[in-house]
Amino acid sequence: MMYLLLMVLLNALLAALFKLFVRFRVDNFQAIVVNYWVCVLTGSAFLGSFPVGAASLSRDWLGLCLLMGAGFISIFNLFAYCTRRDGITAATVANKLSLVIPVLFSIVLYDEHPGLVQWLGIVLAFPAVYLASLPKASMEKVSPHKHNLFWIVLLFIGSGLLDTAMKYAEQRYLATPSEQASYTIHLFFVAGTIGTLLLLFFLITGRMRFSWRNVAGGIALGVPNYFSIYFMIRMLNSNFIQSSAMIPLSNVGVLVASSLIAMLFFGERPSARNKLGLLLSLIVIALLAMS
């Protein structure tokens, strides 16, 4: 339970930081790249050693780690692209509703058997996430062009597969806290390396301009970001409840916490649909907690 609460609070904090980035004109991509290296340093300090080295090449999970590290930065950029081209509503809903993929994989691969109350909570999580995610300014229907719809579908599948891969890694390879911390550091190391190469290319070709405010933003983002992933793995490994219920519960919890922060600290007022989504979210939390 503690890992779930910490993961939810840290993810809500990340959402608040991204809102502050807009106010202070922080470039998201540059801050994200810096954030990856801060995550590596934070994780190494937390673990008490730097686990990336020659021995990493012989780890059983290396291939999966490389794929997931690339997925981290790819999905982020795909989300940014879909937001710009198809609207924040389409991108957010595709990203959040992707939880259906790891839920189904958990039921099929790990022979989980949700009870009636759990199934009700899982099913209600989908309209809850959809309604709570809808921005007030985007209530009108978003009609992506035909070729853009491909990217929205790809975002949905990619986000879901990334969450599924995280569960698979935890289930197969990460039995101890030290292994979980080491794997998380390797993930961010791979993402940071890929991001740095891309950033150097953008800077050399003049597509981006460097600013120290982006470094400051990345430092602020890095510490909570590392622990959000670490506590997510610890949460999945805790067997608090089945992962088919844990994943919707954590997604809904993040939405509720983020919405409360937006209302209390950023003066945002939810629409009628947002309120309905938040009400459904509370019902989902209650159902999954009861189960």
Protein backbone atom coordinates (compact mmCIF):
# COMPACT_ATOMS: atom_id res chain seq x y z
CA MET A 1 0.00 0.00 0.00
CA MET A 2 2.84 2.39 0.86
CA TYR A 3 4.50 1.87 -2.54
CA LEU A 4 1.20 2.58 -4.31
CA LEU A 5 0.68 5.85 -2.41
CA LEU A 6 4.27 6.98 -3.01
CA MET A 7 4.06 6.16 -6.73
CA VAL A 8 0.78 8.06 -7.09
CA LEU A 9 2.07 11.14 -5.23
CA LEU A 10 5.33 11.24 -7.19
CA ASN A 11 3.54 10.97 -10.53
CA ALA A 12 1.21 13.78 -9.50
CA LEU A 13 4.29 15.85 -8.60
CA LEU A 14 5.74 15.18 -12.07
CA ALA A 15 2.53 16.47 -13.66
CA ALA A 16 2.78 19.63 -11.54
CA LEU A 17 6.41 20.15 -12.61
CA PHE A 18 5.45 19.93 -16.27
CA LYS A 19 2.82 22.61 -15.67
CA LEU A 20 5.53 24.80 -14.13
CA PHE A 21 7.77 24.17 -17.15
CA VAL A 22 5.25 26.04 -19.31
CA ARG A 23 5.26 28.99 -16.91
CA PHE A 24 9.07 29.20 -16.81
CA ARG A 25 9.56 28.46 -20.53
CA VAL A 26 11.48 25.22 -19.95
CA ASP A 27 12.00 23.08 -23.05
CA ASN A 28 10.50 19.68 -22.29
CA PHE A 29 12.89 17.63 -24.41
CA GLN A 30 16.07 19.15 -23.01
CA ALA A 31 14.76 18.89 -19.45
CA ILE A 32 13.79 15.25 -20.00
CA VAL A 33 17.28 14.37 -21.26
CA VAL A 34 18.92 16.04 -18.24
CA ASN A 35 16.37 14.33 -16.02
CA TYR A 36 17.49 10.89 -17.22
CA TRP A 37 21.05 11.50 -16.04
CA VAL A 38 19.82 12.92 -12.72
CA CYS A 39 17.80 9.70 -12.37
CA VAL A 40 20.99 7.66 -12.94
CA LEU A 41 22.87 9.66 -10.28
CA THR A 42 19.94 9.51 -7.83
CA GLY A 43 19.52 5.78 -8.28
CA SER A 44 23.25 5.13 -7.89
CA ALA A 45 23.36 7.16 -4.67
CA PHE A 46 20.27 5.32 -3.39
CA LEU A 47 21.75 1.92 -4.30
CA GLY A 48 25.21 2.83 -2.98
CA SER A 49 27.00 1.96 -6.21
CA PHE A 50 26.96 2.59 -9.97
CA PRO A 51 25.68 -0.68 -11.48
CA VAL A 52 26.29 0.08 -15.17
CA GLY A 53 29.49 -1.51 -16.46
CA ALA A 54 30.98 -4.42 -18.37
CA ALA A 55 28.98 -6.87 -16.26
CA SER A 56 25.77 -5.29 -17.58
CA LEU A 57 26.40 -6.94 -20.95
CA SER A 58 25.84 -10.38 -19.42
CA ARG A 59 22.61 -9.59 -17.58
CA ASP A 60 19.61 -11.70 -18.60
CA TRP A 61 17.39 -8.64 -18.88
CA LEU A 62 19.76 -6.51 -21.02
CA GLY A 63 17.78 -6.87 -24.25
CA LEU A 64 14.50 -5.98 -22.55
CA CYS A 65 16.18 -3.05 -20.80
CA LEU A 66 17.49 -1.66 -24.11
CA LEU A 67 14.02 -1.90 -25.67
CA MET A 68 12.33 -0.28 -22.67
CA GLY A 69 14.93 2.51 -22.43
CA ALA A 70 14.33 3.33 -26.09
CA GLY A 71 10.61 3.10 -25.44
CA PHE A 72 10.79 5.66 -22.63
CA ILE A 73 12.02 8.46 -24.87
CA SER A 74 10.11 7.30 -27.96
CA ILE A 75 6.71 7.28 -26.24
CA PHE A 76 7.38 10.70 -24.71
CA ASN A 77 8.14 12.21 -28.11
CA LEU A 78 5.22 10.41 -29.72
CA PHE A 79 2.91 11.83 -27.05
CA ALA A 80 4.26 15.34 -27.77
CA TYR A 81 3.73 14.84 -31.51
CA CYS A 82 0.17 13.56 -31.12
CA THR A 83 -0.65 16.41 -28.75
CA ARG A 84 0.54 18.95 -31.31
CA ARG A 85 -1.13 17.34 -34.33
CA ASP A 86 -4.30 15.73 -32.96
CA GLY A 87 -5.06 17.67 -29.78
CA ILE A 88 -4.43 17.11 -26.12
CA THR A 89 -7.65 15.13 -25.68
CA ALA A 90 -6.84 12.47 -28.26
CA ALA A 91 -3.26 12.07 -27.00
CA THR A 92 -4.16 11.97 -23.30
CA VAL A 93 -6.99 9.50 -23.73
CA ALA A 94 -4.83 7.21 -25.90
CA ASN A 95 -2.06 7.33 -23.29
CA LYS A 96 -4.28 6.69 -20.25
CA LEU A 97 -6.62 4.11 -21.76
CA SER A 98 -3.60 2.04 -22.77
CA LEU A 99 -3.86 0.48 -19.30
CA VAL A 100 -6.22 -2.07 -20.89
CA ILE A 101 -3.19 -3.77 -22.51
CA PRO A 102 -1.19 -4.58 -19.33
CA VAL A 103 -4.39 -5.52 -17.53
CA LEU A 104 -5.28 -8.11 -20.18
CA PHE A 105 -1.69 -9.37 -20.32
CA SER A 106 -1.68 -9.79 -16.53
CA ILE A 107 -4.85 -11.87 -16.65
CA VAL A 108 -3.65 -14.06 -19.56
CA LEU A 109 0.08 -14.44 -18.83
CA TYR A 110 0.03 -14.67 -15.04
CA ASP A 111 -3.19 -16.68 -14.67
CA GLU A 112 -4.83 -14.05 -12.50
CA HIS A 113 -8.51 -14.46 -11.71
CA PRO A 114 -10.16 -11.17 -10.78
CA GLY A 115 -13.36 -11.47 -8.77
CA LEU A 116 -16.65 -9.80 -9.66
CA VAL A 117 -15.85 -6.67 -7.60
CA GLN A 118 -12.40 -6.41 -9.21
CA TRP A 119 -13.86 -6.79 -12.71
CA LEU A 120 -16.37 -4.03 -11.97
CA GLY A 121 -13.55 -1.75 -10.79
CA ILE A 122 -11.40 -2.58 -13.83
CA VAL A 123 -14.25 -1.90 -16.27
CA LEU A 124 -15.23 1.38 -14.59
CA ALA A 125 -11.60 2.54 -14.66
CA PHE A 126 -11.77 3.08 -18.42
CA PRO A 127 -14.62 5.65 -18.51
CA ALA A 128 -13.18 7.19 -15.32
CA VAL A 129 -9.78 7.79 -16.96
CA TYR A 130 -11.42 9.03 -20.17
CA LEU A 131 -13.72 11.55 -18.50
CA ALA A 132 -11.16 12.78 -15.97
CA SER A 133 -8.56 13.28 -18.73
CA LEU A 134 -10.70 15.53 -20.93
CA PRO A 135 -9.34 19.11 -20.82
CA LYS A 136 -11.94 21.83 -20.39
CA ALA A 137 -10.83 23.61 -23.55
CA SER A 138 -11.11 20.46 -25.65
CA MET A 139 -14.66 19.33 -25.08
CA GLU A 140 -15.35 19.51 -28.78
CA LYS A 141 -14.70 16.36 -30.77
CA VAL A 142 -11.19 15.86 -32.07
CA SER A 143 -11.18 14.56 -35.64
CA PRO A 144 -7.68 13.44 -36.56
CA HIS A 145 -6.75 13.16 -40.23
CA LYS A 146 -6.61 9.62 -41.50
CA HIS A 147 -2.81 9.39 -41.44
CA ASN A 148 -2.63 11.01 -38.00
CA LEU A 149 -4.95 8.37 -36.56
CA PHE A 150 -2.15 5.87 -37.10
CA TRP A 151 0.06 7.76 -34.64
CA ILE A 152 -2.73 7.94 -32.04
CA VAL A 153 -3.21 4.16 -32.29
CA LEU A 154 0.57 3.68 -32.10
CA LEU A 155 0.68 5.81 -28.92
CA PHE A 156 -2.08 3.68 -27.39
CA ILE A 157 -0.29 0.41 -28.22
CA GLY A 158 3.20 1.71 -27.32
CA SER A 159 2.18 3.04 -23.90
CA GLY A 160 0.37 -0.19 -23.06
CA LEU A 161 3.26 -2.40 -24.18
CA LEU A 162 5.73 -0.32 -22.15
CA ASP A 163 3.67 -0.86 -18.98
CA THR A 164 3.33 -4.54 -19.87
CA ALA A 165 7.11 -4.85 -20.32
CA MET A 166 7.63 -3.26 -16.89
CA LYS A 167 5.38 -5.89 -15.31
CA TYR A 168 7.14 -8.67 -17.23
CA ALA A 169 10.58 -7.47 -16.12
CA GLU A 170 9.45 -7.28 -12.50
CA GLN A 171 7.85 -10.73 -12.66
CA ARG A 172 10.74 -12.54 -14.35
CA TYR A 173 13.96 -10.81 -13.33
CA LEU A 174 13.53 -8.41 -10.41
CA ALA A 175 13.04 -10.45 -7.26
CA THR A 176 15.07 -8.29 -4.87
CA PRO A 177 15.10 -4.55 -4.09
CA SER A 178 18.73 -4.25 -5.25
CA GLU A 179 17.88 -5.85 -8.61
CA GLN A 180 14.89 -3.54 -8.98
CA ALA A 181 17.03 -0.46 -8.25
CA SER A 182 19.78 -1.64 -10.62
CA TYR A 183 17.32 -2.30 -13.44
CA THR A 184 15.73 1.12 -13.02
CA ILE A 185 19.16 2.80 -13.24
CA HIS A 186 19.97 0.86 -16.42
CA LEU A 187 16.64 1.94 -17.93
CA PHE A 188 17.40 5.60 -17.38
CA PHE A 189 21.00 5.16 -18.55
CA VAL A 190 19.78 3.78 -21.89
CA ALA A 191 17.13 6.51 -22.25
CA GLY A 192 19.68 9.20 -21.30
CA THR A 193 22.21 7.95 -23.85
CA ILE A 194 19.66 7.93 -26.66
CA GLY A 195 18.30 11.32 -25.61
CA THR A 196 21.78 12.86 -25.41
CA LEU A 197 22.66 11.71 -28.93
CA LEU A 198 19.42 13.19 -30.26
CA LEU A 199 19.94 16.43 -28.34
CA LEU A 200 23.49 16.83 -29.68
CA PHE A 201 22.14 16.33 -33.20
CA PHE A 202 19.43 18.98 -32.66
CA LEU A 203 21.93 21.45 -31.17
CA ILE A 204 24.56 20.94 -33.90
CA THR A 205 21.99 21.32 -36.69
CA GLY A 206 20.52 24.43 -35.08
CA ARG A 207 17.08 22.92 -34.45
CA MET A 208 17.38 23.70 -30.72
CA ARG A 209 19.12 26.28 -28.56
CA PHE A 210 20.65 25.35 -25.23
CA SER A 211 19.45 27.08 -22.05
CA TRP A 212 20.49 26.56 -18.43
CA ARG A 213 16.86 26.82 -17.34
CA ASN A 214 16.30 23.48 -19.07
CA VAL A 215 19.09 21.96 -16.97
CA ALA A 216 17.44 23.30 -13.80
CA GLY A 217 14.12 21.84 -14.93
CA GLY A 218 15.74 18.46 -15.58
CA ILE A 219 17.34 18.43 -12.12
CA ALA A 220 13.98 19.21 -10.48
CA LEU A 221 12.34 16.44 -12.51
CA GLY A 222 14.98 13.75 -12.05
CA VAL A 223 14.69 12.81 -8.37
CA PRO A 224 10.89 12.26 -8.25
CA ASN A 225 10.99 10.62 -11.68
CA TYR A 226 13.51 7.99 -10.58
CA PHE A 227 11.57 7.08 -7.46
CA SER A 228 8.25 7.02 -9.34
CA ILE A 229 9.59 4.20 -11.53
CA TYR A 230 11.37 2.46 -8.64
CA PHE A 231 8.26 2.50 -6.44
CA MET A 232 6.17 1.32 -9.39
CA ILE A 233 8.35 -1.80 -9.64
CA ARG A 234 8.24 -2.25 -5.85
CA MET A 235 4.45 -1.85 -5.97
CA LEU A 236 4.08 -4.54 -8.66
CA ASN A 237 6.39 -6.83 -6.68
CA SER A 238 4.55 -6.33 -3.39
CA ASN A 239 1.56 -8.57 -4.24
CA PHE A 240 -0.67 -6.06 -2.45
CA ILE A 241 -3.41 -7.00 -4.91
CA GLN A 242 -3.34 -8.65 -8.34
CA SER A 243 -1.60 -6.57 -11.00
CA SER A 244 -4.75 -6.72 -13.18
CA ALA A 245 -6.38 -4.55 -10.49
CA MET A 246 -3.21 -2.74 -9.34
CA ILE A 247 -2.56 -1.11 -12.72
CA PRO A 248 -6.03 0.48 -13.11
CA LEU A 249 -5.95 1.48 -9.42
CA SER A 250 -2.59 3.27 -9.81
CA ASN A 251 -3.66 5.01 -13.04
CA VAL A 252 -6.88 6.23 -11.49
CA GLY A 253 -5.03 7.31 -8.34
CA VAL A 254 -2.59 9.38 -10.37
CA LEU A 255 -5.46 11.09 -12.19
CA VAL A 256 -7.25 11.95 -8.95
CA ALA A 257 -4.08 13.28 -7.26
CA SER A 258 -3.09 15.29 -10.35
CA SER A 259 -6.57 16.80 -10.61
CA LEU A 260 -6.52 17.84 -6.94
CA ILE A 261 -3.09 19.49 -7.35
CA ALA A 262 -4.31 21.30 -10.48
CA MET A 263 -7.33 22.65 -8.61
CA LEU A 264 -5.51 23.60 -5.38
CA PHE A 265 -2.30 25.07 -6.77
CA PHE A 266 -3.00 26.04 -10.38
CA GLY A 267 -6.56 27.33 -10.10
CA GLU A 268 -7.96 24.87 -12.64
CA ARG A 269 -11.66 24.15 -12.42
CA PRO A 270 -12.92 20.77 -13.64
CA SER A 271 -15.76 20.59 -16.13
CA ALA A 272 -18.90 18.56 -15.49
CA ARG A 273 -17.33 15.63 -17.36
CA ASN A 274 -14.14 15.91 -15.30
CA LYS A 275 -16.18 15.81 -12.08
CA LEU A 276 -18.04 12.72 -13.29
CA GLY A 277 -14.69 11.11 -14.12
CA LEU A 278 -13.30 11.94 -10.68
CA LEU A 279 -16.42 10.53 -9.01
CA LEU A 280 -16.06 7.32 -11.00
CA SER A 281 -12.37 7.27 -10.05
CA LEU A 282 -13.24 7.32 -6.36
CA ILE A 283 -15.71 4.48 -6.92
CA VAL A 284 -13.00 2.50 -8.74
CA ILE A 285 -10.55 3.02 -5.87
CA ALA A 286 -13.19 1.90 -3.35
CA LEU A 287 -14.08 -1.21 -5.37
CA LEU A 288 -10.48 -2.29 -5.90
CA ALA A 289 -9.62 -1.57 -2.27
CA MET A 290 -12.58 -3.66 -1.12
CA SER A 291 -11.50 -6.52 -3.36
